[in-house]
């Protein structure tokens, strides 16, 4: 079984245009250095065209083709960083519709911002209790520390409900403050809330020594390896990950891709095939491979949302609807 612990909805309602503009600028800058100039507009148009999957249909088809059984949808709150960002309430409804359309396939890590005050806490609780979202997502680069005291009421909710917290680490986009992406910034929160599991998003790719150090010494700190195809390593991401998988923290590592952020350069199927090849997992025990590919994610996120088996009548898979999915479908139809 494969659980992708870090994907995003390829929709410009979930990922604001600013993000895509910054990505296009990076691509165009690299092309220009190799003599291919004036490609920014073409790259941006291509990106924008690929971010119209508002219902998640293309995402599910790509997950199917790549052999990924379940995925965690990460929905960051960009409302204070982008003039193009949709309101949090609208973003929540969008992700609930995707989950209802594809029952049992996704969990959602809901993005919060400590500057939202008590209204933000109330919305987070509603997303958990009414929409069934599975945890909390932080994007500190928009202007706060993951240990900001204003986040503590949110962490109290996570403590009471047994929910994990995913916090972004590493660089981001546009005018954001990359210094707020250091893994150690989560240490105060991890110490003050020892029963809350914190996941360092991209922790196996950026600031790896710092993230690994935290995972080795804090029982409630974990990392994912999402965005690994863009790993800056002289001998490539496969060799880098193989070294990481021999550091003694495989019980803390979650497989994740950050799909579709690198769709312009590779297919999800190709990336998963290369990852599961022997070069990446050489010398890794079978039990620990299972932990990385799905076991750690299922342990942190709870019971699987659906029974998924190969070879069913619906194109190779059969899913049992998640509890309450039929009720949500009817409610959406009424609306």
C-alpha atoms as a PDB file:
ATOM      1  CA  UNK A   1       0.000   0.000   0.000  1.00  0.00           C
ATOM      2  CA  UNK A   2       1.198   3.537  -0.796  1.00  0.00           C
ATOM      3  CA  UNK A   3       0.024   6.665   1.009  1.00  0.00           C
ATOM      4  CA  UNK A   4       1.226   9.969  -0.399  1.00  0.00           C
ATOM      5  CA  UNK A   5       1.366  12.137   2.703  1.00  0.00           C
ATOM      6  CA  UNK A   6       1.708  15.447   0.864  1.00  0.00           C
ATOM      7  CA  UNK A   7      -0.178  16.466  -2.267  1.00  0.00           C
ATOM      8  CA  UNK A   8      -2.016  19.637  -3.227  1.00  0.00           C
ATOM      9  CA  UNK A   9      -5.074  20.242  -5.324  1.00  0.00           C
ATOM     10  CA  UNK A  10      -4.037  21.489  -8.779  1.00  0.00           C
ATOM     11  CA  UNK A  11      -6.490  24.369  -8.669  1.00  0.00           C
ATOM     12  CA  UNK A  12      -5.731  28.079  -8.825  1.00  0.00           C
ATOM     13  CA  UNK A  13      -8.371  28.431  -6.122  1.00  0.00           C
ATOM     14  CA  UNK A  14      -6.155  26.433  -3.737  1.00  0.00           C
ATOM     15  CA  UNK A  15      -2.757  27.545  -5.052  1.00  0.00           C
ATOM     16  CA  UNK A  16      -2.848  31.293  -5.747  1.00  0.00           C
ATOM     17  CA  UNK A  17      -1.573  32.815  -8.949  1.00  0.00           C
ATOM     18  CA  UNK A  18       1.347  34.464  -7.088  1.00  0.00           C
ATOM     19  CA  UNK A  19       2.772  31.027  -6.334  1.00  0.00           C
ATOM     20  CA  UNK A  20       2.541  29.986  -9.972  1.00  0.00           C
ATOM     21  CA  UNK A  21       4.061  33.275 -11.136  1.00  0.00           C
ATOM     22  CA  UNK A  22       7.059  32.716  -8.855  1.00  0.00           C
ATOM     23  CA  UNK A  23       7.453  29.160 -10.135  1.00  0.00           C
ATOM     24  CA  UNK A  24       7.283  30.365 -13.735  1.00  0.00           C
ATOM     25  CA  UNK A  25       9.892  33.047 -13.006  1.00  0.00           C
ATOM     26  CA  UNK A  26      12.281  30.431 -11.611  1.00  0.00           C
ATOM     27  CA  UNK A  27      11.835  28.192 -14.642  1.00  0.00           C
ATOM     28  CA  UNK A  28      12.267  31.100 -17.050  1.00  0.00           C
ATOM     29  CA  UNK A  29      15.408  32.259 -15.220  1.00  0.00           C
ATOM     30  CA  UNK A  30      16.975  28.834 -15.542  1.00  0.00           C
ATOM     31  CA  UNK A  31      16.074  28.582 -19.231  1.00  0.00           C
ATOM     32  CA  UNK A  32      17.521  32.040 -19.877  1.00  0.00           C
ATOM     33  CA  UNK A  33      20.822  31.011 -18.324  1.00  0.00           C
ATOM     34  CA  UNK A  34      21.019  28.277 -20.961  1.00  0.00           C
ATOM     35  CA  UNK A  35      20.173  30.678 -23.762  1.00  0.00           C
ATOM     36  CA  UNK A  36      16.419  30.074 -24.020  1.00  0.00           C
ATOM     37  CA  UNK A  37      14.976  33.521 -23.400  1.00  0.00           C
ATOM     38  CA  UNK A  38      11.555  35.147 -23.056  1.00  0.00           C
ATOM     39  CA  UNK A  39       9.794  31.997 -21.877  1.00  0.00           C
ATOM     40  CA  UNK A  40       8.112  33.385 -18.745  1.00  0.00           C
ATOM     41  CA  UNK A  41       4.724  33.959 -20.354  1.00  0.00           C
ATOM     42  CA  UNK A  42       4.625  30.555 -22.018  1.00  0.00           C
ATOM     43  CA  UNK A  43       5.633  28.769 -18.810  1.00  0.00           C
ATOM     44  CA  UNK A  44       3.048  30.668 -16.754  1.00  0.00           C
ATOM     45  CA  UNK A  45       0.304  29.865 -19.254  1.00  0.00           C
ATOM     46  CA  UNK A  46       1.236  26.202 -19.074  1.00  0.00           C
ATOM     47  CA  UNK A  47       1.166  26.238 -15.283  1.00  0.00           C
ATOM     48  CA  UNK A  48      -2.161  28.046 -15.110  1.00  0.00           C
ATOM     49  CA  UNK A  49      -3.685  25.566 -17.566  1.00  0.00           C
ATOM     50  CA  UNK A  50      -2.598  22.720 -15.307  1.00  0.00           C
ATOM     51  CA  UNK A  51      -4.178  24.270 -12.211  1.00  0.00           C
ATOM     52  CA  UNK A  52      -7.803  23.973 -13.283  1.00  0.00           C
ATOM     53  CA  UNK A  53      -8.464  20.576 -11.642  1.00  0.00           C
ATOM     54  CA  UNK A  54     -10.989  22.025  -9.202  1.00  0.00           C
ATOM     55  CA  UNK A  55     -12.784  18.689  -8.619  1.00  0.00           C
ATOM     56  CA  UNK A  56      -9.620  16.588  -8.203  1.00  0.00           C
ATOM     57  CA  UNK A  57     -10.472  14.259 -11.101  1.00  0.00           C
ATOM     58  CA  UNK A  58      -7.110  14.569 -12.825  1.00  0.00           C
ATOM     59  CA  UNK A  59      -5.307  14.174  -9.501  1.00  0.00           C
ATOM     60  CA  UNK A  60      -7.136  10.932  -8.762  1.00  0.00           C
ATOM     61  CA  UNK A  61      -6.366   9.608 -12.249  1.00  0.00           C
ATOM     62  CA  UNK A  62      -2.672  10.359 -11.703  1.00  0.00           C
ATOM     63  CA  UNK A  63      -2.714   8.692  -8.288  1.00  0.00           C
ATOM     64  CA  UNK A  64      -4.363   5.630  -9.845  1.00  0.00           C
ATOM     65  CA  UNK A  65      -1.804   5.404 -12.624  1.00  0.00           C
ATOM     66  CA  UNK A  66       1.065   5.746 -10.153  1.00  0.00           C
ATOM     67  CA  UNK A  67      -0.353   3.087  -7.809  1.00  0.00           C
ATOM     68  CA  UNK A  68      -0.964   5.453  -4.899  1.00  0.00           C
ATOM     69  CA  UNK A  69      -3.886   4.245  -2.819  1.00  0.00           C
ATOM     70  CA  UNK A  70      -4.539   7.256  -0.597  1.00  0.00           C
ATOM     71  CA  UNK A  71      -3.251  10.794  -0.320  1.00  0.00           C
ATOM     72  CA  UNK A  72      -3.189  13.674   2.129  1.00  0.00           C
ATOM     73  CA  UNK A  73      -4.432  16.924   0.597  1.00  0.00           C
ATOM     74  CA  UNK A  74      -2.546  19.882   2.042  1.00  0.00           C
ATOM     75  CA  UNK A  75      -4.585  23.103   2.032  1.00  0.00           C
ATOM     76  CA  UNK A  76      -2.464  26.054   3.150  1.00  0.00           C
ATOM     77  CA  UNK A  77      -3.912  29.400   4.223  1.00  0.00           C
ATOM     78  CA  UNK A  78      -2.421  32.012   1.889  1.00  0.00           C
ATOM     79  CA  UNK A  79      -5.084  34.629   2.616  1.00  0.00           C
ATOM     80  CA  UNK A  80      -2.613  37.027   4.241  1.00  0.00           C
ATOM     81  CA  UNK A  81       0.122  36.501   1.669  1.00  0.00           C
ATOM     82  CA  UNK A  82      -1.671  36.690  -1.669  1.00  0.00           C
ATOM     83  CA  UNK A  83      -4.287  39.002  -3.120  1.00  0.00           C
ATOM     84  CA  UNK A  84      -5.383  36.078  -5.285  1.00  0.00           C
ATOM     85  CA  UNK A  85      -6.070  33.703  -2.376  1.00  0.00           C
ATOM     86  CA  UNK A  86      -9.674  32.649  -1.826  1.00  0.00           C
ATOM     87  CA  UNK A  87     -11.279  33.089   1.587  1.00  0.00           C
ATOM     88  CA  UNK A  88     -10.607  30.254   4.040  1.00  0.00           C
ATOM     89  CA  UNK A  89     -14.284  29.312   4.203  1.00  0.00           C
ATOM     90  CA  UNK A  90     -14.423  28.920   0.427  1.00  0.00           C
ATOM     91  CA  UNK A  91     -11.206  26.897   0.449  1.00  0.00           C
ATOM     92  CA  UNK A  92     -12.679  24.568   3.069  1.00  0.00           C
ATOM     93  CA  UNK A  93     -15.814  24.000   1.003  1.00  0.00           C
ATOM     94  CA  UNK A  94     -13.705  23.299  -2.076  1.00  0.00           C
ATOM     95  CA  UNK A  95     -11.731  20.560  -0.319  1.00  0.00           C
ATOM     96  CA  UNK A  96     -14.847  19.075   1.227  1.00  0.00           C
ATOM     97  CA  UNK A  97     -16.392  18.803  -2.259  1.00  0.00           C
ATOM     98  CA  UNK A  98     -13.296  17.030  -3.557  1.00  0.00           C
ATOM     99  CA  UNK A  99     -13.400  14.543  -0.682  1.00  0.00           C
ATOM    100  CA  UNK A 100     -17.104  13.943  -1.245  1.00  0.00           C
ATOM    101  CA  UNK A 101     -16.579  13.424  -4.979  1.00  0.00           C
ATOM    102  CA  UNK A 102     -13.789  10.900  -4.292  1.00  0.00           C
ATOM    103  CA  UNK A 103     -14.906   9.271  -1.021  1.00  0.00           C
ATOM    104  CA  UNK A 104     -12.244   7.547   1.004  1.00  0.00           C
ATOM    105  CA  UNK A 105      -9.376   8.705  -1.172  1.00  0.00           C
ATOM    106  CA  UNK A 106      -8.149  11.787   0.652  1.00  0.00           C
ATOM    107  CA  UNK A 107      -7.470  13.195   4.052  1.00  0.00           C
ATOM    108  CA  UNK A 108      -7.196  16.965   4.374  1.00  0.00           C
ATOM    109  CA  UNK A 109      -4.664  18.920   6.423  1.00  0.00           C
ATOM    110  CA  UNK A 110      -6.424  22.222   6.924  1.00  0.00           C
ATOM    111  CA  UNK A 111      -4.395  25.429   6.775  1.00  0.00           C
ATOM    112  CA  UNK A 112      -4.641  27.897   9.647  1.00  0.00           C
ATOM    113  CA  UNK A 113      -3.058  31.259  10.402  1.00  0.00           C
ATOM    114  CA  UNK A 114      -2.598  32.445  14.004  1.00  0.00           C
ATOM    115  CA  UNK A 115      -3.614  35.973  13.004  1.00  0.00           C
ATOM    116  CA  UNK A 116      -7.177  34.771  12.370  1.00  0.00           C
ATOM    117  CA  UNK A 117      -7.921  34.846  16.113  1.00  0.00           C
ATOM    118  CA  UNK A 118     -10.868  33.051  17.674  1.00  0.00           C
ATOM    119  CA  UNK A 119     -12.719  32.947  14.353  1.00  0.00           C
ATOM    120  CA  UNK A 120      -9.890  30.905  12.901  1.00  0.00           C
ATOM    121  CA  UNK A 121     -10.038  28.426  15.770  1.00  0.00           C
ATOM    122  CA  UNK A 122     -13.796  28.072  15.329  1.00  0.00           C
ATOM    123  CA  UNK A 123     -13.398  27.440  11.589  1.00  0.00           C
ATOM    124  CA  UNK A 124     -10.710  24.819  12.243  1.00  0.00           C
ATOM    125  CA  UNK A 125     -12.974  22.999  14.698  1.00  0.00           C
ATOM    126  CA  UNK A 126     -15.817  23.120  12.197  1.00  0.00           C
ATOM    127  CA  UNK A 127     -13.590  21.720   9.467  1.00  0.00           C
ATOM    128  CA  UNK A 128     -12.692  18.825  11.761  1.00  0.00           C
ATOM    129  CA  UNK A 129     -16.123  18.060  13.200  1.00  0.00           C
ATOM    130  CA  UNK A 130     -18.340  18.776  10.170  1.00  0.00           C
ATOM    131  CA  UNK A 131     -16.059  18.202   7.208  1.00  0.00           C
ATOM    132  CA  UNK A 132     -13.942  15.405   8.663  1.00  0.00           C
ATOM    133  CA  UNK A 133     -10.578  17.058   8.012  1.00  0.00           C
ATOM    134  CA  UNK A 134      -7.693  15.099   9.480  1.00  0.00           C
ATOM    135  CA  UNK A 135      -5.268  17.644  10.879  1.00  0.00           C
ATOM    136  CA  UNK A 136      -3.714  21.077  10.704  1.00  0.00           C
ATOM    137  CA  UNK A 137      -1.374  22.670   8.160  1.00  0.00           C
ATOM    138  CA  UNK A 138       0.956  25.594   8.932  1.00  0.00           C
ATOM    139  CA  UNK A 139       2.714  27.761   6.351  1.00  0.00           C
ATOM    140  CA  UNK A 140       4.949  29.930   8.570  1.00  0.00           C
ATOM    141  CA  UNK A 141       6.650  31.694   5.655  1.00  0.00           C
ATOM    142  CA  UNK A 142       3.584  33.942   5.385  1.00  0.00           C
ATOM    143  CA  UNK A 143       4.672  35.702   8.565  1.00  0.00           C
ATOM    144  CA  UNK A 144       4.732  33.701  11.807  1.00  0.00           C
ATOM    145  CA  UNK A 145       6.641  31.041  13.739  1.00  0.00           C
ATOM    146  CA  UNK A 146       5.208  27.516  14.023  1.00  0.00           C
ATOM    147  CA  UNK A 147       5.612  27.999  17.762  1.00  0.00           C
ATOM    148  CA  UNK A 148       3.705  31.304  17.788  1.00  0.00           C
ATOM    149  CA  UNK A 149       1.714  31.458  21.046  1.00  0.00           C
ATOM    150  CA  UNK A 150      -1.355  32.467  19.079  1.00  0.00           C
ATOM    151  CA  UNK A 151      -1.322  28.942  17.645  1.00  0.00           C
ATOM    152  CA  UNK A 152      -1.642  27.324  21.056  1.00  0.00           C
ATOM    153  CA  UNK A 153      -5.480  27.311  21.052  1.00  0.00           C
ATOM    154  CA  UNK A 154      -5.271  25.380  17.779  1.00  0.00           C
ATOM    155  CA  UNK A 155      -2.793  22.946  19.318  1.00  0.00           C
ATOM    156  CA  UNK A 156      -5.211  22.452  22.212  1.00  0.00           C
ATOM    157  CA  UNK A 157      -7.828  21.322  19.686  1.00  0.00           C
ATOM    158  CA  UNK A 158      -5.283  18.929  18.170  1.00  0.00           C
ATOM    159  CA  UNK A 159      -4.459  17.597  21.633  1.00  0.00           C
ATOM    160  CA  UNK A 160      -8.110  16.953  22.455  1.00  0.00           C
ATOM    161  CA  UNK A 161      -8.857  15.285  19.114  1.00  0.00           C
ATOM    162  CA  UNK A 162      -5.586  13.469  18.459  1.00  0.00           C
ATOM    163  CA  UNK A 163      -4.809  15.422  15.283  1.00  0.00           C
ATOM    164  CA  UNK A 164      -1.346  15.847  13.724  1.00  0.00           C
ATOM    165  CA  UNK A 165       0.170  19.152  12.624  1.00  0.00           C
ATOM    166  CA  UNK A 166       2.055  19.530   9.339  1.00  0.00           C
ATOM    167  CA  UNK A 167       4.329  22.561   9.162  1.00  0.00           C
ATOM    168  CA  UNK A 168       6.141  23.737   6.049  1.00  0.00           C
ATOM    169  CA  UNK A 169       9.944  23.855   6.190  1.00  0.00           C
ATOM    170  CA  UNK A 170      12.395  25.182   3.645  1.00  0.00           C
ATOM    171  CA  UNK A 171      11.903  27.847   0.963  1.00  0.00           C
ATOM    172  CA  UNK A 172       8.646  29.013  -0.557  1.00  0.00           C
ATOM    173  CA  UNK A 173       7.687  31.594  -3.162  1.00  0.00           C
ATOM    174  CA  UNK A 174       7.563  35.276  -3.962  1.00  0.00           C
ATOM    175  CA  UNK A 175       8.208  37.790  -1.156  1.00  0.00           C
ATOM    176  CA  UNK A 176       7.839  35.266   1.669  1.00  0.00           C
ATOM    177  CA  UNK A 177      10.302  35.070   4.575  1.00  0.00           C
ATOM    178  CA  UNK A 178      12.356  31.892   4.114  1.00  0.00           C
ATOM    179  CA  UNK A 179      13.979  32.278   7.555  1.00  0.00           C
ATOM    180  CA  UNK A 180      10.659  31.145   9.058  1.00  0.00           C
ATOM    181  CA  UNK A 181      11.091  27.764   7.377  1.00  0.00           C
ATOM    182  CA  UNK A 182      13.713  26.425   9.790  1.00  0.00           C
ATOM    183  CA  UNK A 183      12.672  23.106  11.408  1.00  0.00           C
ATOM    184  CA  UNK A 184      13.965  24.090  14.861  1.00  0.00           C
ATOM    185  CA  UNK A 185      11.330  26.815  15.070  1.00  0.00           C
ATOM    186  CA  UNK A 186       8.756  24.111  15.857  1.00  0.00           C
ATOM    187  CA  UNK A 187      10.704  22.902  18.895  1.00  0.00           C
ATOM    188  CA  UNK A 188       8.890  25.067  21.477  1.00  0.00           C
ATOM    189  CA  UNK A 189       5.511  23.838  20.286  1.00  0.00           C
ATOM    190  CA  UNK A 190       6.692  20.224  20.210  1.00  0.00           C
ATOM    191  CA  UNK A 191       7.887  20.495  23.815  1.00  0.00           C
ATOM    192  CA  UNK A 192       4.792  22.329  25.048  1.00  0.00           C
ATOM    193  CA  UNK A 193       2.424  19.853  23.331  1.00  0.00           C
ATOM    194  CA  UNK A 194       4.137  16.458  23.701  1.00  0.00           C
ATOM    195  CA  UNK A 195       1.037  14.470  22.672  1.00  0.00           C
ATOM    196  CA  UNK A 196       0.632  16.317  19.370  1.00  0.00           C
ATOM    197  CA  UNK A 197       2.508  14.798  16.431  1.00  0.00           C
ATOM    198  CA  UNK A 198       4.311  17.429  14.362  1.00  0.00           C
ATOM    199  CA  UNK A 199       5.361  16.646  10.788  1.00  0.00           C
ATOM    200  CA  UNK A 200       8.102  18.673   9.126  1.00  0.00           C
ATOM    201  CA  UNK A 201       6.930  19.126   5.548  1.00  0.00           C
ATOM    202  CA  UNK A 202       9.867  18.680   3.105  1.00  0.00           C
ATOM    203  CA  UNK A 203      12.059  17.862   6.113  1.00  0.00           C
ATOM    204  CA  UNK A 204      13.809  15.106   4.177  1.00  0.00           C
ATOM    205  CA  UNK A 205      14.713  17.546   1.404  1.00  0.00           C
ATOM    206  CA  UNK A 206      15.656  20.897   2.975  1.00  0.00           C
ATOM    207  CA  UNK A 207      17.427  21.562   6.294  1.00  0.00           C
ATOM    208  CA  UNK A 208      17.755  17.779   6.459  1.00  0.00           C
ATOM    209  CA  UNK A 209      20.328  17.615   9.263  1.00  0.00           C
ATOM    210  CA  UNK A 210      18.229  19.898  11.464  1.00  0.00           C
ATOM    211  CA  UNK A 211      14.997  18.046  10.709  1.00  0.00           C
ATOM    212  CA  UNK A 212      16.609  14.644  11.290  1.00  0.00           C
ATOM    213  CA  UNK A 213      18.082  15.866  14.556  1.00  0.00           C
ATOM    214  CA  UNK A 214      14.643  16.858  15.805  1.00  0.00           C
ATOM    215  CA  UNK A 215      13.100  13.557  14.691  1.00  0.00           C
ATOM    216  CA  UNK A 216      15.791  11.573  16.462  1.00  0.00           C
ATOM    217  CA  UNK A 217      15.365  13.381  19.770  1.00  0.00           C
ATOM    218  CA  UNK A 218      11.712  14.485  19.938  1.00  0.00           C
ATOM    219  CA  UNK A 219       9.274  11.542  20.115  1.00  0.00           C
ATOM    220  CA  UNK A 220       6.476  13.626  18.576  1.00  0.00           C
ATOM    221  CA  UNK A 221       8.401  15.099  15.619  1.00  0.00           C
ATOM    222  CA  UNK A 222       8.338  13.441  12.194  1.00  0.00           C
ATOM    223  CA  UNK A 223       9.231  14.472   8.638  1.00  0.00           C
ATOM    224  CA  UNK A 224       8.039  13.897   5.114  1.00  0.00           C
ATOM    225  CA  UNK A 225      10.195  13.693   2.012  1.00  0.00           C
ATOM    226  CA  UNK A 226       7.852  15.599  -0.279  1.00  0.00           C
ATOM    227  CA  UNK A 227       9.404  17.518  -3.169  1.00  0.00           C
ATOM    228  CA  UNK A 228      12.298  15.028  -3.277  1.00  0.00           C
ATOM    229  CA  UNK A 229      12.659  15.206  -7.103  1.00  0.00           C
ATOM    230  CA  UNK A 230      13.963  18.771  -6.621  1.00  0.00           C
ATOM    231  CA  UNK A 231      16.527  17.766  -3.988  1.00  0.00           C
ATOM    232  CA  UNK A 232      19.768  19.767  -4.320  1.00  0.00           C
ATOM    233  CA  UNK A 233      22.306  16.967  -4.075  1.00  0.00           C
ATOM    234  CA  UNK A 234      25.439  16.483  -6.154  1.00  0.00           C
ATOM    235  CA  UNK A 235      24.789  12.752  -6.544  1.00  0.00           C
ATOM    236  CA  UNK A 236      21.029  13.019  -7.030  1.00  0.00           C
ATOM    237  CA  UNK A 237      17.908  12.548  -4.925  1.00  0.00           C
ATOM    238  CA  UNK A 238      18.012   8.730  -4.998  1.00  0.00           C
ATOM    239  CA  UNK A 239      21.416   8.583  -3.304  1.00  0.00           C
ATOM    240  CA  UNK A 240      20.410  11.299  -0.852  1.00  0.00           C
ATOM    241  CA  UNK A 241      17.249   9.472   0.211  1.00  0.00           C
ATOM    242  CA  UNK A 242      19.084   6.181   0.534  1.00  0.00           C
ATOM    243  CA  UNK A 243      21.484   7.832   2.974  1.00  0.00           C
ATOM    244  CA  UNK A 244      18.558   9.323   4.899  1.00  0.00           C
ATOM    245  CA  UNK A 245      16.936   5.892   5.156  1.00  0.00           C
ATOM    246  CA  UNK A 246      20.051   4.597   6.946  1.00  0.00           C
ATOM    247  CA  UNK A 247      20.092   7.192   9.729  1.00  0.00           C
ATOM    248  CA  UNK A 248      17.869   5.258  12.126  1.00  0.00           C
ATOM    249  CA  UNK A 249      14.696   7.364  11.844  1.00  0.00           C
ATOM    250  CA  UNK A 250      12.646   5.359   9.328  1.00  0.00           C
ATOM    251  CA  UNK A 251       9.883   5.084  11.932  1.00  0.00           C
ATOM    252  CA  UNK A 252       9.554   8.877  11.613  1.00  0.00           C
ATOM    253  CA  UNK A 253       9.647   9.283   7.805  1.00  0.00           C
ATOM    254  CA  UNK A 254       6.547   9.649   5.605  1.00  0.00           C
ATOM    255  CA  UNK A 255       6.548   9.156   1.854  1.00  0.00           C
ATOM    256  CA  UNK A 256       5.215  12.224   0.066  1.00  0.00           C
ATOM    257  CA  UNK A 257       5.630  13.872  -3.310  1.00  0.00           C
ATOM    258  CA  UNK A 258       4.198  17.436  -3.158  1.00  0.00           C
ATOM    259  CA  UNK A 259       2.504  16.585  -6.445  1.00  0.00           C
ATOM    260  CA  UNK A 260       1.741  18.365  -8.778  1.00  0.00           C
ATOM    261  CA  UNK A 261       4.429  21.011  -8.130  1.00  0.00           C
ATOM    262  CA  UNK A 262       6.909  19.397 -10.541  1.00  0.00           C
ATOM    263  CA  UNK A 263       4.445  18.179 -13.167  1.00  0.00           C
ATOM    264  CA  UNK A 264       6.262  20.138 -15.899  1.00  0.00           C
ATOM    265  CA  UNK A 265       9.367  17.977 -15.536  1.00  0.00           C
ATOM    266  CA  UNK A 266       8.080  14.458 -14.779  1.00  0.00           C
ATOM    267  CA  UNK A 267       4.994  12.292 -14.432  1.00  0.00           C
ATOM    268  CA  UNK A 268       3.889  11.036 -11.045  1.00  0.00           C
ATOM    269  CA  UNK A 269       4.104   7.456 -12.304  1.00  0.00           C
ATOM    270  CA  UNK A 270       7.744   7.915 -13.326  1.00  0.00           C
ATOM    271  CA  UNK A 271       8.643   9.447  -9.977  1.00  0.00           C
ATOM    272  CA  UNK A 272       6.984   6.645  -7.978  1.00  0.00           C
ATOM    273  CA  UNK A 273       8.559   3.968 -10.177  1.00  0.00           C
ATOM    274  CA  UNK A 274      12.005   5.480  -9.663  1.00  0.00           C
ATOM    275  CA  UNK A 275      11.428   5.851  -5.929  1.00  0.00           C
ATOM    276  CA  UNK A 276      10.393   2.237  -5.451  1.00  0.00           C
ATOM    277  CA  UNK A 277      13.366   1.001  -7.458  1.00  0.00           C
ATOM    278  CA  UNK A 278      16.228  -0.699  -5.686  1.00  0.00           C
ATOM    279  CA  UNK A 279      18.586   2.301  -5.797  1.00  0.00           C
ATOM    280  CA  UNK A 280      16.522   4.337  -3.334  1.00  0.00           C
ATOM    281  CA  UNK A 281      15.552   1.533  -0.962  1.00  0.00           C
ATOM    282  CA  UNK A 282      18.724  -0.575  -1.150  1.00  0.00           C
ATOM    283  CA  UNK A 283      19.523  -2.087   2.219  1.00  0.00           C
ATOM    284  CA  UNK A 284      16.294  -0.858   3.823  1.00  0.00           C
ATOM    285  CA  UNK A 285      14.483  -3.617   5.712  1.00  0.00           C
ATOM    286  CA  UNK A 286      11.108  -4.706   4.402  1.00  0.00           C
ATOM    287  CA  UNK A 287       9.336  -3.617   7.593  1.00  0.00           C
ATOM    288  CA  UNK A 288      10.901  -0.165   7.396  1.00  0.00           C
ATOM    289  CA  UNK A 289       9.967   0.167   3.720  1.00  0.00           C
ATOM    290  CA  UNK A 290       6.372  -0.447   4.731  1.00  0.00           C
ATOM    291  CA  UNK A 291       6.656   2.193   7.443  1.00  0.00           C
ATOM    292  CA  UNK A 292       7.898   4.795   4.972  1.00  0.00           C
ATOM    293  CA  UNK A 293       5.424   3.996   2.208  1.00  0.00           C
ATOM    294  CA  UNK A 294       2.276   3.902   4.330  1.00  0.00           C
ATOM    295  CA  UNK A 295       2.650   2.607   7.888  1.00  0.00           C
ATOM    296  CA  UNK A 296       3.861   5.822   9.503  1.00  0.00           C
ATOM    297  CA  UNK A 297       1.199   7.906   7.771  1.00  0.00           C
ATOM    298  CA  UNK A 298      -1.600   5.537   8.762  1.00  0.00           C
ATOM    299  CA  UNK A 299      -0.347   5.534  12.344  1.00  0.00           C
ATOM    300  CA  UNK A 300      -0.349   9.343  12.517  1.00  0.00           C
ATOM    301  CA  UNK A 301      -3.586   9.950  10.607  1.00  0.00           C
ATOM    302  CA  UNK A 302      -5.599   7.103  12.076  1.00  0.00           C
ATOM    303  CA  UNK A 303      -7.627   4.366  10.423  1.00  0.00           C
ATOM    304  CA  UNK A 304      -7.779   4.252   6.643  1.00  0.00           C
ATOM    305  CA  UNK A 305     -10.737   6.239   5.248  1.00  0.00           C
ATOM    306  CA  UNK A 306     -11.696   3.467   2.827  1.00  0.00           C
ATOM    307  CA  UNK A 307     -11.033  -0.127   1.897  1.00  0.00           C
ATOM    308  CA  UNK A 308      -9.077  -0.067  -1.360  1.00  0.00           C
ATOM    309  CA  UNK A 309      -8.274  -3.208  -3.304  1.00  0.00           C
ATOM    310  CA  UNK A 310      -6.770  -3.806  -6.711  1.00  0.00           C
ATOM    311  CA  UNK A 311      -8.651  -5.456  -9.535  1.00  0.00           C
ATOM    312  CA  UNK A 312     -12.127  -4.060  -8.844  1.00  0.00           C
ATOM    313  CA  UNK A 313     -14.663  -3.306 -11.549  1.00  0.00           C
ATOM    314  CA  UNK A 314     -14.002   0.463 -11.561  1.00  0.00           C
ATOM    315  CA  UNK A 315     -10.780   0.520 -13.534  1.00  0.00           C
ATOM    316  CA  UNK A 316      -8.756  -1.689 -11.224  1.00  0.00           C
ATOM    317  CA  UNK A 317      -9.922  -0.477  -7.821  1.00  0.00           C
ATOM    318  CA  UNK A 318     -12.879  -0.848  -5.523  1.00  0.00           C
ATOM    319  CA  UNK A 319     -13.557   1.516  -2.657  1.00  0.00           C
ATOM    320  CA  UNK A 320     -15.919   1.233   0.258  1.00  0.00           C
ATOM    321  CA  UNK A 321     -17.373   4.709   0.937  1.00  0.00           C
ATOM    322  CA  UNK A 322     -16.102   6.478   3.997  1.00  0.00           C
ATOM    323  CA  UNK A 323     -18.534   6.639   6.922  1.00  0.00           C
ATOM    324  CA  UNK A 324     -21.040   9.421   6.328  1.00  0.00           C
ATOM    325  CA  UNK A 325     -19.953  10.003   2.726  1.00  0.00           C
ATOM    326  CA  UNK A 326     -23.457   9.332   1.379  1.00  0.00           C
ATOM    327  CA  UNK A 327     -24.890  11.917   3.780  1.00  0.00           C
ATOM    328  CA  UNK A 328     -22.340  14.518   2.640  1.00  0.00           C
ATOM    329  CA  UNK A 329     -23.140  13.745  -1.011  1.00  0.00           C
ATOM    330  CA  UNK A 330     -26.851  14.321  -0.405  1.00  0.00           C
ATOM    331  CA  UNK A 331     -26.163  17.555   1.456  1.00  0.00           C
ATOM    332  CA  UNK A 332     -24.020  18.854  -1.400  1.00  0.00           C
ATOM    333  CA  UNK A 333     -26.724  17.941  -3.915  1.00  0.00           C
ATOM    334  CA  UNK A 334     -29.297  19.905  -1.913  1.00  0.00           C
ATOM    335  CA  UNK A 335     -26.984  22.945  -1.976  1.00  0.00           C
END
